[in-house]
């Protein structure tokens, strides 16, 4: 929602956090979604997570993730 529109209707604007599917991870410990380039959950510091792109992405997304893993 734009700043002007939020002023008109009186709603507070909240920051948006967007993580590309190929970088999204779900922490198994505290169920937080975070950018896995961090290598650990920013909330609980756990390094046990599910790669969301591998679990829910289409074949093209899974292929990009595999390529990222090979080059990392």
C-alpha atoms as a PDB file:
ATOM      1  CA  UNK A   1       0.000   0.000   0.000  1.00  0.00           C
ATOM      2  CA  UNK A   2       1.411   3.408  -0.920  1.00  0.00           C
ATOM      3  CA  UNK A   3       2.242   5.999   1.701  1.00  0.00           C
ATOM      4  CA  UNK A   4      -0.406   8.436   0.430  1.00  0.00           C
ATOM      5  CA  UNK A   5      -3.115   5.767   0.399  1.00  0.00           C
ATOM      6  CA  UNK A   6      -2.226   4.676   3.933  1.00  0.00           C
ATOM      7  CA  UNK A   7      -2.560   8.291   5.107  1.00  0.00           C
ATOM      8  CA  UNK A   8      -5.946   8.640   3.413  1.00  0.00           C
ATOM      9  CA  UNK A   9      -7.446   5.507   4.952  1.00  0.00           C
ATOM     10  CA  UNK A  10      -5.618   5.913   8.251  1.00  0.00           C
ATOM     11  CA  UNK A  11      -3.689   2.645   8.289  1.00  0.00           C
ATOM     12  CA  UNK A  12      -0.123   2.441   9.472  1.00  0.00           C
ATOM     13  CA  UNK A  13       2.318   1.313   6.792  1.00  0.00           C
ATOM     14  CA  UNK A  14       4.316  -1.785   7.748  1.00  0.00           C
ATOM     15  CA  UNK A  15       7.680  -2.712   6.232  1.00  0.00           C
ATOM     16  CA  UNK A  16       7.556  -5.576   3.751  1.00  0.00           C
ATOM     17  CA  UNK A  17      10.060  -8.407   3.976  1.00  0.00           C
ATOM     18  CA  UNK A  18      10.363 -10.350   0.731  1.00  0.00           C
ATOM     19  CA  UNK A  19      12.647 -13.349   0.280  1.00  0.00           C
ATOM     20  CA  UNK A  20      13.049 -15.011  -3.122  1.00  0.00           C
ATOM     21  CA  UNK A  21      11.891 -18.642  -2.998  1.00  0.00           C
ATOM     22  CA  UNK A  22      15.370 -19.933  -3.847  1.00  0.00           C
ATOM     23  CA  UNK A  23      16.786 -18.168  -0.750  1.00  0.00           C
ATOM     24  CA  UNK A  24      13.927 -18.932   1.668  1.00  0.00           C
ATOM     25  CA  UNK A  25      14.491 -21.300   4.572  1.00  0.00           C
ATOM     26  CA  UNK A  26      12.112 -22.493   7.291  1.00  0.00           C
ATOM     27  CA  UNK A  27      13.754 -22.961  10.688  1.00  0.00           C
ATOM     28  CA  UNK A  28      12.800 -26.355  12.090  1.00  0.00           C
ATOM     29  CA  UNK A  29      13.372 -25.154  15.652  1.00  0.00           C
ATOM     30  CA  UNK A  30      11.277 -21.948  15.832  1.00  0.00           C
ATOM     31  CA  UNK A  31       9.318 -22.068  12.530  1.00  0.00           C
ATOM     32  CA  UNK A  32      10.696 -18.736  11.270  1.00  0.00           C
ATOM     33  CA  UNK A  33      11.173 -18.123   7.547  1.00  0.00           C
ATOM     34  CA  UNK A  34      14.486 -16.398   6.818  1.00  0.00           C
ATOM     35  CA  UNK A  35      17.011 -15.750   4.049  1.00  0.00           C
ATOM     36  CA  UNK A  36      19.263 -18.819   4.095  1.00  0.00           C
ATOM     37  CA  UNK A  37      22.288 -16.837   2.934  1.00  0.00           C
ATOM     38  CA  UNK A  38      22.555 -16.133   6.689  1.00  0.00           C
ATOM     39  CA  UNK A  39      23.314 -19.869   7.263  1.00  0.00           C
ATOM     40  CA  UNK A  40      21.568 -19.744  10.669  1.00  0.00           C
ATOM     41  CA  UNK A  41      18.144 -18.639  11.859  1.00  0.00           C
ATOM     42  CA  UNK A  42      18.295 -14.988  12.968  1.00  0.00           C
ATOM     43  CA  UNK A  43      15.771 -15.681  15.753  1.00  0.00           C
ATOM     44  CA  UNK A  44      17.127 -18.803  17.483  1.00  0.00           C
ATOM     45  CA  UNK A  45      20.557 -19.291  15.788  1.00  0.00           C
ATOM     46  CA  UNK A  46      19.651 -22.835  14.734  1.00  0.00           C
ATOM     47  CA  UNK A  47      21.359 -24.181  11.625  1.00  0.00           C
ATOM     48  CA  UNK A  48      18.660 -26.829  11.094  1.00  0.00           C
ATOM     49  CA  UNK A  49      16.257 -25.645   8.416  1.00  0.00           C
ATOM     50  CA  UNK A  50      14.196 -26.715   5.413  1.00  0.00           C
ATOM     51  CA  UNK A  51      15.073 -25.218   2.043  1.00  0.00           C
ATOM     52  CA  UNK A  52      11.660 -23.873   1.004  1.00  0.00           C
ATOM     53  CA  UNK A  53      12.563 -23.635  -2.687  1.00  0.00           C
ATOM     54  CA  UNK A  54      13.488 -27.324  -2.857  1.00  0.00           C
ATOM     55  CA  UNK A  55      10.339 -28.312  -0.960  1.00  0.00           C
ATOM     56  CA  UNK A  56       7.789 -26.120  -2.754  1.00  0.00           C
ATOM     57  CA  UNK A  57       9.412 -24.704  -5.888  1.00  0.00           C
ATOM     58  CA  UNK A  58       8.840 -25.819  -9.445  1.00  0.00           C
ATOM     59  CA  UNK A  59      11.505 -27.725 -11.381  1.00  0.00           C
ATOM     60  CA  UNK A  60      13.129 -24.518 -12.648  1.00  0.00           C
ATOM     61  CA  UNK A  61      13.486 -23.163  -9.102  1.00  0.00           C
ATOM     62  CA  UNK A  62      14.880 -26.470  -7.807  1.00  0.00           C
ATOM     63  CA  UNK A  63      17.395 -26.501 -10.665  1.00  0.00           C
ATOM     64  CA  UNK A  64      18.572 -22.952  -9.826  1.00  0.00           C
ATOM     65  CA  UNK A  65      18.983 -23.939  -6.173  1.00  0.00           C
ATOM     66  CA  UNK A  66      21.049 -26.989  -7.116  1.00  0.00           C
ATOM     67  CA  UNK A  67      23.299 -24.783  -9.259  1.00  0.00           C
ATOM     68  CA  UNK A  68      23.711 -22.315  -6.380  1.00  0.00           C
ATOM     69  CA  UNK A  69      24.671 -25.174  -4.044  1.00  0.00           C
ATOM     70  CA  UNK A  70      27.288 -26.493  -6.474  1.00  0.00           C
ATOM     71  CA  UNK A  71      28.934 -23.078  -6.937  1.00  0.00           C
ATOM     72  CA  UNK A  72      28.871 -22.199  -3.226  1.00  0.00           C
END
